Amino acid sequence: MAITTKQELRALSADERELIDMSGARVVKALTDAQLSSLVKRTRTRRDRARTLAERQRREMRGKSRARGATPVKADDGSQLKLAILTAALARLDAETTRRGQVKAKAALVASAKKALSLKQKAKPAKGAKAPAKPRGPAKAVRGKTRVAVKNHVPGSVRGSVRSQVAKAQAKRDSR
């Protein structure tokens, strides 16, 4: 279910609202890398704090820990909502960081390929130069020895029984 702007305003403080506004797609693309990493760090800190608070409130509601405030917590909907909003903002920021990393990697790859191409073109001989002359005479290929056919001394009528004898002997050895 989508979170409305009215719910965001109710759940977030002014500082957190500013972080959420800065995590929008258009605003994030206008930020520098240093600003983006600073924004990610601040948002992650706020998200971790909201997660800790929500976990503590859930434990209080279940009776697993003592109440921290004047009265025990009855519901943790607000802290869960804040956590969901901050998590979504952090996901957007991480996606932009990943996208920028991929763009940089692709640019580096293209630059490397262009450099390799220029080096290869410099190493080529001039157009008027001839290729080195091939030696005259027939090609001397390495030839292996011819295969010597060996006569099989085991008649066909015995081969099956020998195979089963070997299988039984191996099974006997394996069972020890």
N, C-alpha and C. Protein backbone atom coordinates (compact mmCIF):
# COMPACT_ATOMS: atom_id res chain seq x y z
N MET A 1 0.83 -1.16 0.00
CA MET A 1 0.00 0.00 0.00
C MET A 1 0.88 1.23 0.00
N ALA A 2 0.55 2.22 -0.80
CA ALA A 2 1.32 3.43 -0.90
C ALA A 2 1.13 4.30 0.34
N ILE A 3 2.18 5.02 0.69
CA ILE A 3 2.13 5.90 1.85
C ILE A 3 1.82 7.31 1.34
N THR A 4 0.80 7.92 1.89
CA THR A 4 0.40 9.24 1.42
C THR A 4 1.30 10.31 2.02
N THR A 5 1.26 11.49 1.43
CA THR A 5 2.06 12.62 1.93
C THR A 5 1.59 13.02 3.32
N LYS A 6 0.30 12.94 3.56
CA LYS A 6 -0.26 13.29 4.87
C LYS A 6 0.29 12.35 5.95
N GLN A 7 0.39 11.05 5.62
CA GLN A 7 0.95 10.08 6.58
C GLN A 7 2.43 10.36 6.81
N GLU A 8 3.15 10.72 5.75
CA GLU A 8 4.57 11.05 5.90
C GLU A 8 4.75 12.24 6.82
N LEU A 9 3.96 13.29 6.62
CA LEU A 9 4.06 14.49 7.45
C LEU A 9 3.80 14.17 8.91
N ARG A 10 2.85 13.26 9.16
CA ARG A 10 2.51 12.90 10.53
C ARG A 10 3.62 12.06 11.18
N ALA A 11 4.27 11.21 10.40
CA ALA A 11 5.23 10.27 10.98
C ALA A 11 6.64 10.85 11.13
N LEU A 12 7.01 11.83 10.30
CA LEU A 12 8.40 12.30 10.27
C LEU A 12 8.58 13.65 10.95
N SER A 13 9.80 13.83 11.46
CA SER A 13 10.17 15.15 11.99
C SER A 13 10.59 16.03 10.82
N ALA A 14 10.89 17.29 11.10
CA ALA A 14 11.27 18.23 10.03
C ALA A 14 12.58 17.81 9.37
N ASP A 15 13.55 17.36 10.16
CA ASP A 15 14.84 16.92 9.60
C ASP A 15 14.65 15.69 8.72
N GLU A 16 13.86 14.75 9.21
CA GLU A 16 13.63 13.54 8.42
C GLU A 16 12.84 13.85 7.15
N ARG A 17 11.93 14.79 7.23
CA ARG A 17 11.17 15.19 6.04
C ARG A 17 12.09 15.79 4.98
N GLU A 18 13.08 16.55 5.44
CA GLU A 18 14.07 17.13 4.51
C GLU A 18 14.87 16.02 3.83
N LEU A 19 15.25 14.99 4.58
CA LEU A 19 15.98 13.85 3.99
C LEU A 19 15.13 13.16 2.93
N ILE A 20 13.85 12.98 3.22
CA ILE A 20 12.95 12.31 2.28
C ILE A 20 12.80 13.15 1.02
N ASP A 21 12.66 14.46 1.20
CA ASP A 21 12.54 15.34 0.03
C ASP A 21 13.80 15.30 -0.83
N MET A 22 14.96 15.18 -0.20
CA MET A 22 16.23 15.14 -0.94
C MET A 22 16.43 13.81 -1.67
N SER A 23 15.67 12.78 -1.28
CA SER A 23 15.85 11.47 -1.89
C SER A 23 15.00 11.27 -3.14
N GLY A 24 14.27 12.31 -3.56
CA GLY A 24 13.47 12.21 -4.77
C GLY A 24 14.37 12.05 -6.00
N ALA A 25 13.84 11.44 -7.04
CA ALA A 25 14.64 11.10 -8.22
C ALA A 25 15.28 12.32 -8.87
N ARG A 26 14.53 13.38 -9.06
CA ARG A 26 15.07 14.56 -9.74
C ARG A 26 16.10 15.27 -8.88
N VAL A 27 15.85 15.35 -7.59
CA VAL A 27 16.76 16.05 -6.69
C VAL A 27 18.08 15.27 -6.56
N VAL A 28 17.98 13.97 -6.46
CA VAL A 28 19.17 13.13 -6.26
C VAL A 28 20.12 13.23 -7.46
N LYS A 29 19.56 13.27 -8.66
CA LYS A 29 20.42 13.34 -9.85
C LYS A 29 21.18 14.65 -9.94
N ALA A 30 20.69 15.69 -9.28
CA ALA A 30 21.36 16.99 -9.30
C ALA A 30 22.47 17.08 -8.25
N LEU A 31 22.52 16.15 -7.31
CA LEU A 31 23.51 16.19 -6.24
C LEU A 31 24.88 15.73 -6.74
N THR A 32 25.92 16.23 -6.10
CA THR A 32 27.27 15.75 -6.39
C THR A 32 27.48 14.42 -5.67
N ASP A 33 28.57 13.75 -5.98
CA ASP A 33 28.85 12.46 -5.34
C ASP A 33 29.06 12.62 -3.83
N ALA A 34 29.75 13.68 -3.43
CA ALA A 34 29.99 13.91 -2.01
C ALA A 34 28.67 14.19 -1.28
N GLN A 35 27.81 14.99 -1.88
CA GLN A 35 26.51 15.27 -1.26
C GLN A 35 25.66 14.01 -1.17
N LEU A 36 25.72 13.20 -2.21
CA LEU A 36 24.94 11.96 -2.21
C LEU A 36 25.41 11.01 -1.11
N SER A 37 26.73 10.85 -0.97
CA SER A 37 27.23 9.94 0.06
C SER A 37 26.90 10.47 1.46
N SER A 38 26.93 11.79 1.65
CA SER A 38 26.56 12.38 2.93
C SER A 38 25.07 12.13 3.22
N LEU A 39 24.24 12.29 2.20
CA LEU A 39 22.80 12.06 2.34
C LEU A 39 22.50 10.60 2.66
N VAL A 40 23.20 9.71 2.02
CA VAL A 40 23.02 8.27 2.29
C VAL A 40 23.39 7.96 3.74
N LYS A 41 24.49 8.52 4.19
CA LYS A 41 24.95 8.26 5.55
C LYS A 41 23.93 8.77 6.58
N ARG A 42 23.43 10.00 6.38
CA ARG A 42 22.45 10.56 7.32
C ARG A 42 21.15 9.76 7.29
N THR A 43 20.71 9.38 6.10
CA THR A 43 19.45 8.61 6.00
C THR A 43 19.61 7.24 6.64
N ARG A 44 20.75 6.62 6.45
CA ARG A 44 20.98 5.30 7.04
C ARG A 44 20.98 5.40 8.57
N THR A 45 21.58 6.46 9.09
CA THR A 45 21.60 6.65 10.55
C THR A 45 20.18 6.79 11.09
N ARG A 46 19.36 7.61 10.42
CA ARG A 46 17.97 7.80 10.85
C ARG A 46 17.17 6.50 10.73
N ARG A 47 17.39 5.76 9.65
CA ARG A 47 16.67 4.50 9.45
C ARG A 47 17.04 3.50 10.55
N ASP A 48 18.34 3.42 10.89
CA ASP A 48 18.77 2.48 11.93
C ASP A 48 18.16 2.85 13.30
N ARG A 49 18.08 4.14 13.57
CA ARG A 49 17.48 4.58 14.83
C ARG A 49 16.00 4.25 14.85
N ALA A 50 15.31 4.46 13.74
CA ALA A 50 13.88 4.14 13.67
C ALA A 50 13.66 2.64 13.82
N ARG A 51 14.55 1.84 13.23
CA ARG A 51 14.44 0.38 13.35
C ARG A 51 14.61 -0.05 14.81
N THR A 52 15.61 0.51 15.49
CA THR A 52 15.85 0.17 16.89
C THR A 52 14.64 0.54 17.75
N LEU A 53 14.09 1.72 17.52
CA LEU A 53 12.93 2.18 18.28
C LEU A 53 11.73 1.27 18.03
N ALA A 54 11.49 0.91 16.78
CA ALA A 54 10.35 0.04 16.45
C ALA A 54 10.52 -1.33 17.09
N GLU A 55 11.73 -1.87 17.07
CA GLU A 55 11.98 -3.18 17.69
C GLU A 55 11.74 -3.11 19.20
N ARG A 56 12.22 -2.03 19.83
CA ARG A 56 12.03 -1.88 21.27
C ARG A 56 10.54 -1.78 21.62
N GLN A 57 9.80 -1.01 20.83
CA GLN A 57 8.37 -0.86 21.11
C GLN A 57 7.63 -2.18 20.92
N ARG A 58 8.03 -2.96 19.92
CA ARG A 58 7.39 -4.27 19.71
C ARG A 58 7.66 -5.18 20.90
N ARG A 59 8.89 -5.15 21.42
CA ARG A 59 9.23 -5.97 22.59
C ARG A 59 8.42 -5.54 23.81
N GLU A 60 8.25 -4.23 23.97
CA GLU A 60 7.44 -3.73 25.09
C GLU A 60 5.99 -4.19 24.97
N MET A 61 5.43 -4.13 23.77
CA MET A 61 4.05 -4.54 23.56
C MET A 61 3.85 -6.02 23.87
N ARG A 62 4.84 -6.84 23.53
CA ARG A 62 4.74 -8.28 23.78
C ARG A 62 5.05 -8.62 25.23
N GLY A 63 5.60 -7.67 25.98
CA GLY A 63 5.92 -7.92 27.38
C GLY A 63 7.30 -8.53 27.56
N LYS A 64 8.14 -8.45 26.56
CA LYS A 64 9.48 -9.04 26.65
C LYS A 64 10.47 -8.11 27.35
N SER A 65 10.17 -6.80 27.38
CA SER A 65 11.07 -5.88 28.07
C SER A 65 10.22 -4.86 28.82
N ARG A 66 10.88 -4.16 29.76
CA ARG A 66 10.15 -3.19 30.58
C ARG A 66 9.86 -1.94 29.75
N ALA A 67 8.86 -1.19 30.17
CA ALA A 67 8.48 0.03 29.47
C ALA A 67 9.53 1.10 29.71
N ARG A 68 9.91 1.80 28.66
CA ARG A 68 10.93 2.84 28.77
C ARG A 68 10.32 4.20 29.12
N GLY A 69 9.11 4.45 28.67
CA GLY A 69 8.47 5.74 28.91
C GLY A 69 7.65 5.73 30.19
N ALA A 70 6.86 6.79 30.35
CA ALA A 70 6.02 6.89 31.54
C ALA A 70 4.93 5.83 31.52
N THR A 71 4.42 5.54 30.31
CA THR A 71 3.39 4.51 30.18
C THR A 71 3.86 3.48 29.15
N PRO A 72 3.43 2.25 29.28
CA PRO A 72 3.83 1.24 28.29
C PRO A 72 3.26 1.56 26.91
N VAL A 73 3.95 1.12 25.90
CA VAL A 73 3.54 1.37 24.52
C VAL A 73 2.34 0.48 24.20
N LYS A 74 1.33 1.08 23.56
CA LYS A 74 0.13 0.31 23.19
C LYS A 74 0.16 -0.08 21.71
N ALA A 75 0.80 0.76 20.87
CA ALA A 75 0.88 0.47 19.43
C ALA A 75 2.18 1.06 18.88
N ASP A 76 2.67 0.44 17.83
CA ASP A 76 3.92 0.93 17.22
C ASP A 76 3.72 1.29 15.75
N ASP A 77 2.50 1.66 15.39
CA ASP A 77 2.21 1.97 13.99
C ASP A 77 3.04 3.14 13.47
N GLY A 78 3.21 4.16 14.29
CA GLY A 78 3.97 5.34 13.86
C GLY A 78 5.42 5.02 13.60
N SER A 79 6.03 4.25 14.47
CA SER A 79 7.44 3.91 14.28
C SER A 79 7.62 2.95 13.10
N GLN A 80 6.66 2.07 12.89
CA GLN A 80 6.73 1.17 11.73
C GLN A 80 6.59 1.97 10.43
N LEU A 81 5.71 2.96 10.44
CA LEU A 81 5.51 3.81 9.27
C LEU A 81 6.78 4.61 8.97
N LYS A 82 7.38 5.18 10.02
CA LYS A 82 8.61 5.94 9.85
C LYS A 82 9.71 5.04 9.29
N LEU A 83 9.81 3.84 9.80
CA LEU A 83 10.81 2.89 9.31
C LEU A 83 10.59 2.57 7.85
N ALA A 84 9.36 2.36 7.45
CA ALA A 84 9.05 2.04 6.05
C ALA A 84 9.41 3.21 5.13
N ILE A 85 9.12 4.43 5.55
CA ILE A 85 9.41 5.61 4.73
C ILE A 85 10.91 5.78 4.57
N LEU A 86 11.64 5.67 5.67
CA LEU A 86 13.10 5.85 5.61
C LEU A 86 13.77 4.72 4.82
N THR A 87 13.24 3.51 4.93
CA THR A 87 13.79 2.38 4.16
C THR A 87 13.60 2.59 2.67
N ALA A 88 12.42 3.09 2.28
CA ALA A 88 12.17 3.36 0.87
C ALA A 88 13.08 4.46 0.34
N ALA A 89 13.29 5.49 1.15
CA ALA A 89 14.18 6.59 0.74
C ALA A 89 15.61 6.08 0.58
N LEU A 90 16.04 5.24 1.50
CA LEU A 90 17.39 4.69 1.42
C LEU A 90 17.55 3.79 0.20
N ALA A 91 16.51 3.06 -0.15
CA ALA A 91 16.55 2.22 -1.35
C ALA A 91 16.71 3.08 -2.60
N ARG A 92 16.02 4.22 -2.66
CA ARG A 92 16.17 5.13 -3.81
C ARG A 92 17.59 5.68 -3.89
N LEU A 93 18.13 6.05 -2.74
CA LEU A 93 19.49 6.60 -2.72
C LEU A 93 20.52 5.54 -3.12
N ASP A 94 20.33 4.32 -2.64
CA ASP A 94 21.25 3.24 -3.00
C ASP A 94 21.17 2.93 -4.49
N ALA A 95 19.96 3.01 -5.05
CA ALA A 95 19.80 2.77 -6.49
C ALA A 95 20.54 3.83 -7.30
N GLU A 96 20.49 5.07 -6.85
CA GLU A 96 21.21 6.14 -7.56
C GLU A 96 22.72 5.96 -7.43
N THR A 97 23.18 5.55 -6.25
CA THR A 97 24.61 5.29 -6.05
C THR A 97 25.08 4.17 -6.97
N THR A 98 24.29 3.11 -7.07
CA THR A 98 24.63 1.99 -7.96
C THR A 98 24.65 2.44 -9.41
N ARG A 99 23.66 3.24 -9.81
CA ARG A 99 23.59 3.74 -11.18
C ARG A 99 24.82 4.57 -11.52
N ARG A 100 25.23 5.43 -10.60
CA ARG A 100 26.42 6.26 -10.84
C ARG A 100 27.68 5.40 -10.94
N GLY A 101 27.76 4.39 -10.11
CA GLY A 101 28.91 3.48 -10.18
C GLY A 101 28.98 2.76 -11.52
N GLN A 102 27.82 2.34 -12.03
CA GLN A 102 27.78 1.65 -13.33
C GLN A 102 28.17 2.59 -14.46
N VAL A 103 27.73 3.84 -14.38
CA VAL A 103 28.09 4.82 -15.41
C VAL A 103 29.60 5.05 -15.41
N LYS A 104 30.18 5.18 -14.22
CA LYS A 104 31.63 5.38 -14.12
C LYS A 104 32.39 4.16 -14.65
N ALA A 105 31.91 2.97 -14.32
CA ALA A 105 32.58 1.76 -14.78
C ALA A 105 32.53 1.65 -16.29
N LYS A 106 31.39 1.99 -16.88
CA LYS A 106 31.26 1.93 -18.33
C LYS A 106 32.17 2.95 -19.00
N ALA A 107 32.25 4.15 -18.43
CA ALA A 107 33.14 5.19 -18.98
C ALA A 107 34.60 4.74 -18.91
N ALA A 108 34.97 4.12 -17.80
CA ALA A 108 36.34 3.63 -17.66
C ALA A 108 36.63 2.52 -18.68
N LEU A 109 35.65 1.66 -18.92
CA LEU A 109 35.82 0.58 -19.89
C LEU A 109 35.99 1.13 -21.30
N VAL A 110 35.18 2.13 -21.65
CA VAL A 110 35.28 2.74 -22.97
C VAL A 110 36.63 3.43 -23.14
N ALA A 111 37.08 4.13 -22.11
CA ALA A 111 38.37 4.81 -22.18
C ALA A 111 39.50 3.79 -22.35
N SER A 112 39.41 2.69 -21.63
CA SER A 112 40.42 1.65 -21.73
C SER A 112 40.43 1.02 -23.13
N ALA A 113 39.25 0.80 -23.69
CA ALA A 113 39.17 0.21 -25.03
C ALA A 113 39.73 1.17 -26.08
N LYS A 114 39.45 2.47 -25.93
CA LYS A 114 39.99 3.45 -26.88
C LYS A 114 41.50 3.51 -26.80
N LYS A 115 42.02 3.44 -25.59
CA LYS A 115 43.48 3.46 -25.41
C LYS A 115 44.11 2.22 -26.05
N ALA A 116 43.49 1.06 -25.85
CA ALA A 116 44.02 -0.17 -26.44
C ALA A 116 43.98 -0.10 -27.96
N LEU A 117 42.91 0.46 -28.52
CA LEU A 117 42.80 0.60 -29.97
C LEU A 117 43.87 1.52 -30.52
N SER A 118 44.12 2.62 -29.84
CA SER A 118 45.16 3.54 -30.33
C SER A 118 46.54 2.90 -30.27
N LEU A 119 46.80 2.13 -29.21
CA LEU A 119 48.09 1.43 -29.12
C LEU A 119 48.23 0.38 -30.22
N LYS A 120 47.13 -0.30 -30.52
CA LYS A 120 47.15 -1.33 -31.57
C LYS A 120 47.39 -0.70 -32.93
N GLN A 121 46.76 0.45 -33.17
CA GLN A 121 46.93 1.12 -34.45
C GLN A 121 48.34 1.67 -34.61
N LYS A 122 48.96 2.11 -33.53
CA LYS A 122 50.34 2.59 -33.59
C LYS A 122 51.30 1.44 -33.89
N ALA A 123 50.98 0.26 -33.42
CA ALA A 123 51.86 -0.89 -33.60
C ALA A 123 51.77 -1.49 -35.00
N LYS A 124 50.74 -1.18 -35.79
CA LYS A 124 50.59 -1.73 -37.13
C LYS A 124 51.66 -1.17 -38.06
N PRO A 125 52.15 -1.99 -39.01
CA PRO A 125 53.12 -1.47 -39.97
C PRO A 125 52.45 -0.51 -40.95
N ALA A 126 53.25 0.30 -41.62
CA ALA A 126 52.73 1.25 -42.58
C ALA A 126 52.05 0.51 -43.73
N LYS A 127 51.17 1.21 -44.47
CA LYS A 127 50.41 0.56 -45.54
C LYS A 127 51.30 0.04 -46.67
N GLY A 128 52.38 0.73 -46.99
CA GLY A 128 53.24 0.33 -48.09
C GLY A 128 54.18 -0.82 -47.75
N ALA A 129 54.34 -1.14 -46.49
CA ALA A 129 55.29 -2.17 -46.09
C ALA A 129 54.74 -3.55 -46.42
N LYS A 130 55.67 -4.44 -46.81
CA LYS A 130 55.28 -5.81 -47.15
C LYS A 130 55.35 -6.69 -45.91
N ALA A 131 54.57 -7.73 -45.95
CA ALA A 131 54.63 -8.72 -44.89
C ALA A 131 55.91 -9.53 -45.07
N PRO A 132 56.48 -10.08 -44.02
CA PRO A 132 57.71 -10.87 -44.17
C PRO A 132 57.47 -12.07 -45.11
N ALA A 133 58.49 -12.39 -45.90
CA ALA A 133 58.39 -13.46 -46.89
C ALA A 133 58.28 -14.81 -46.19
N LYS A 134 57.46 -15.69 -46.78
CA LYS A 134 57.29 -17.03 -46.22
C LYS A 134 58.42 -17.90 -46.73
N PRO A 135 58.90 -18.82 -45.92
CA PRO A 135 59.96 -19.72 -46.40
C PRO A 135 59.44 -20.63 -47.50
N ARG A 136 60.30 -20.95 -48.43
CA ARG A 136 59.89 -21.82 -49.54
C ARG A 136 59.96 -23.28 -49.13
N GLY A 137 59.22 -24.10 -49.86
CA GLY A 137 59.26 -25.53 -49.62
C GLY A 137 57.97 -26.01 -48.99
N PRO A 138 57.81 -27.32 -48.91
CA PRO A 138 56.57 -27.87 -48.36
C PRO A 138 56.49 -27.63 -46.85
N ALA A 139 55.28 -27.56 -46.35
CA ALA A 139 55.07 -27.40 -44.91
C ALA A 139 55.48 -28.68 -44.22
N LYS A 140 56.18 -28.53 -43.14
CA LYS A 140 56.65 -29.72 -42.40
C LYS A 140 55.73 -29.91 -41.20
N ALA A 141 54.78 -30.79 -41.37
CA ALA A 141 53.83 -31.06 -40.29
C ALA A 141 54.37 -32.16 -39.40
N VAL A 142 54.04 -32.11 -38.14
CA VAL A 142 54.45 -33.14 -37.21
C VAL A 142 53.43 -34.26 -37.32
N ARG A 143 53.92 -35.42 -37.62
CA ARG A 143 53.02 -36.56 -37.76
C ARG A 143 53.31 -37.55 -36.65
N GLY A 144 52.24 -38.05 -36.04
CA GLY A 144 52.40 -39.01 -34.97
C GLY A 144 52.58 -40.41 -35.52
N LYS A 145 52.82 -41.35 -34.63
CA LYS A 145 52.99 -42.74 -35.04
C LYS A 145 51.64 -43.31 -35.44
N THR A 146 51.66 -44.26 -36.34
CA THR A 146 50.42 -44.91 -36.73
C THR A 146 49.97 -45.83 -35.62
N ARG A 147 48.66 -45.99 -35.51
CA ARG A 147 48.08 -46.80 -34.45
C ARG A 147 48.26 -48.28 -34.79
N VAL A 148 48.72 -49.00 -33.81
CA VAL A 148 48.93 -50.43 -33.99
C VAL A 148 47.72 -51.16 -33.40
N ALA A 149 47.05 -51.95 -34.21
CA ALA A 149 45.89 -52.69 -33.75
C ALA A 149 46.35 -53.88 -32.93
N VAL A 150 45.75 -54.03 -31.74
CA VAL A 150 46.11 -55.13 -30.86
C VAL A 150 44.98 -56.14 -30.91
N LYS A 151 45.34 -57.39 -31.07
CA LYS A 151 44.34 -58.44 -31.14
C LYS A 151 43.82 -58.71 -29.73
N ASN A 152 42.50 -58.79 -29.63
CA ASN A 152 41.87 -59.05 -28.35
C ASN A 152 41.91 -60.55 -28.11
N HIS A 153 42.51 -60.95 -26.99
CA HIS A 153 42.69 -62.38 -26.71
C HIS A 153 41.52 -62.99 -25.94
N VAL A 154 40.57 -62.17 -25.50
CA VAL A 154 39.44 -62.69 -24.75
C VAL A 154 38.29 -62.91 -25.74
N PRO A 155 37.83 -64.13 -25.86
CA PRO A 155 36.73 -64.37 -26.80
C PRO A 155 35.44 -63.69 -26.33
N GLY A 156 34.58 -63.40 -27.28
CA GLY A 156 33.33 -62.69 -26.99
C GLY A 156 32.42 -63.45 -26.06
N SER A 157 32.46 -64.76 -26.07
CA SER A 157 31.56 -65.56 -25.24
C SER A 157 31.93 -65.49 -23.77
N VAL A 158 33.14 -65.03 -23.45
CA VAL A 158 33.61 -65.02 -22.07
C VAL A 158 33.54 -63.60 -21.47
N ARG A 159 33.46 -62.59 -22.31
CA ARG A 159 33.57 -61.20 -21.83
C ARG A 159 32.52 -60.86 -20.76
N GLY A 160 31.27 -61.28 -20.95
CA GLY A 160 30.22 -60.96 -19.98
C GLY A 160 30.48 -61.57 -18.63
N SER A 161 30.92 -62.83 -18.61
CA SER A 161 31.15 -63.50 -17.33
C SER A 161 32.34 -62.88 -16.61
N VAL A 162 33.36 -62.45 -17.36
CA VAL A 162 34.53 -61.82 -16.73
C VAL A 162 34.10 -60.50 -16.09
N ARG A 163 33.26 -59.74 -16.81
CA ARG A 163 32.81 -58.45 -16.28
C ARG A 163 32.02 -58.65 -14.98
N SER A 164 31.14 -59.67 -14.93
CA SER A 164 30.36 -59.89 -13.72
C SER A 164 31.24 -60.39 -12.58
N GLN A 165 32.28 -61.18 -12.88
CA GLN A 165 33.21 -61.63 -11.85
C GLN A 165 33.95 -60.44 -11.24
N VAL A 166 34.37 -59.51 -12.10
CA VAL A 166 35.08 -58.33 -11.61
C VAL A 166 34.14 -57.48 -10.74
N ALA A 167 32.87 -57.33 -11.15
CA ALA A 167 31.92 -56.54 -10.41
C ALA A 167 31.67 -57.14 -9.04
N LYS A 168 31.53 -58.49 -8.96
CA LYS A 168 31.30 -59.15 -7.69
C LYS A 168 32.51 -59.00 -6.77
N ALA A 169 33.71 -59.12 -7.33
CA ALA A 169 34.91 -58.98 -6.52
C ALA A 169 35.02 -57.54 -5.96
N GLN A 170 34.68 -56.57 -6.79
CA GLN A 170 34.75 -55.17 -6.34
C GLN A 170 33.71 -54.92 -5.25
N ALA A 171 32.53 -55.48 -5.39
CA ALA A 171 31.48 -55.32 -4.38
C ALA A 171 31.92 -55.94 -3.07
N LYS A 172 32.57 -57.06 -3.14
CA LYS A 172 33.06 -57.75 -1.95
C LYS A 172 34.11 -56.89 -1.23
N ARG A 173 34.99 -56.26 -2.03
CA ARG A 173 36.02 -55.38 -1.43
C ARG A 173 35.39 -54.14 -0.82
N ASP A 174 34.36 -53.61 -1.47
CA ASP A 174 33.72 -52.41 -0.96
C ASP A 174 32.94 -52.64 0.31
N SER A 175 32.43 -53.84 0.51
CA SER A 175 31.61 -54.13 1.68
C SER A 175 32.44 -54.31 2.95
N ARG A 176 33.74 -54.43 2.82
CA ARG A 176 34.60 -54.63 4.01
C ARG A 176 34.72 -53.37 4.82
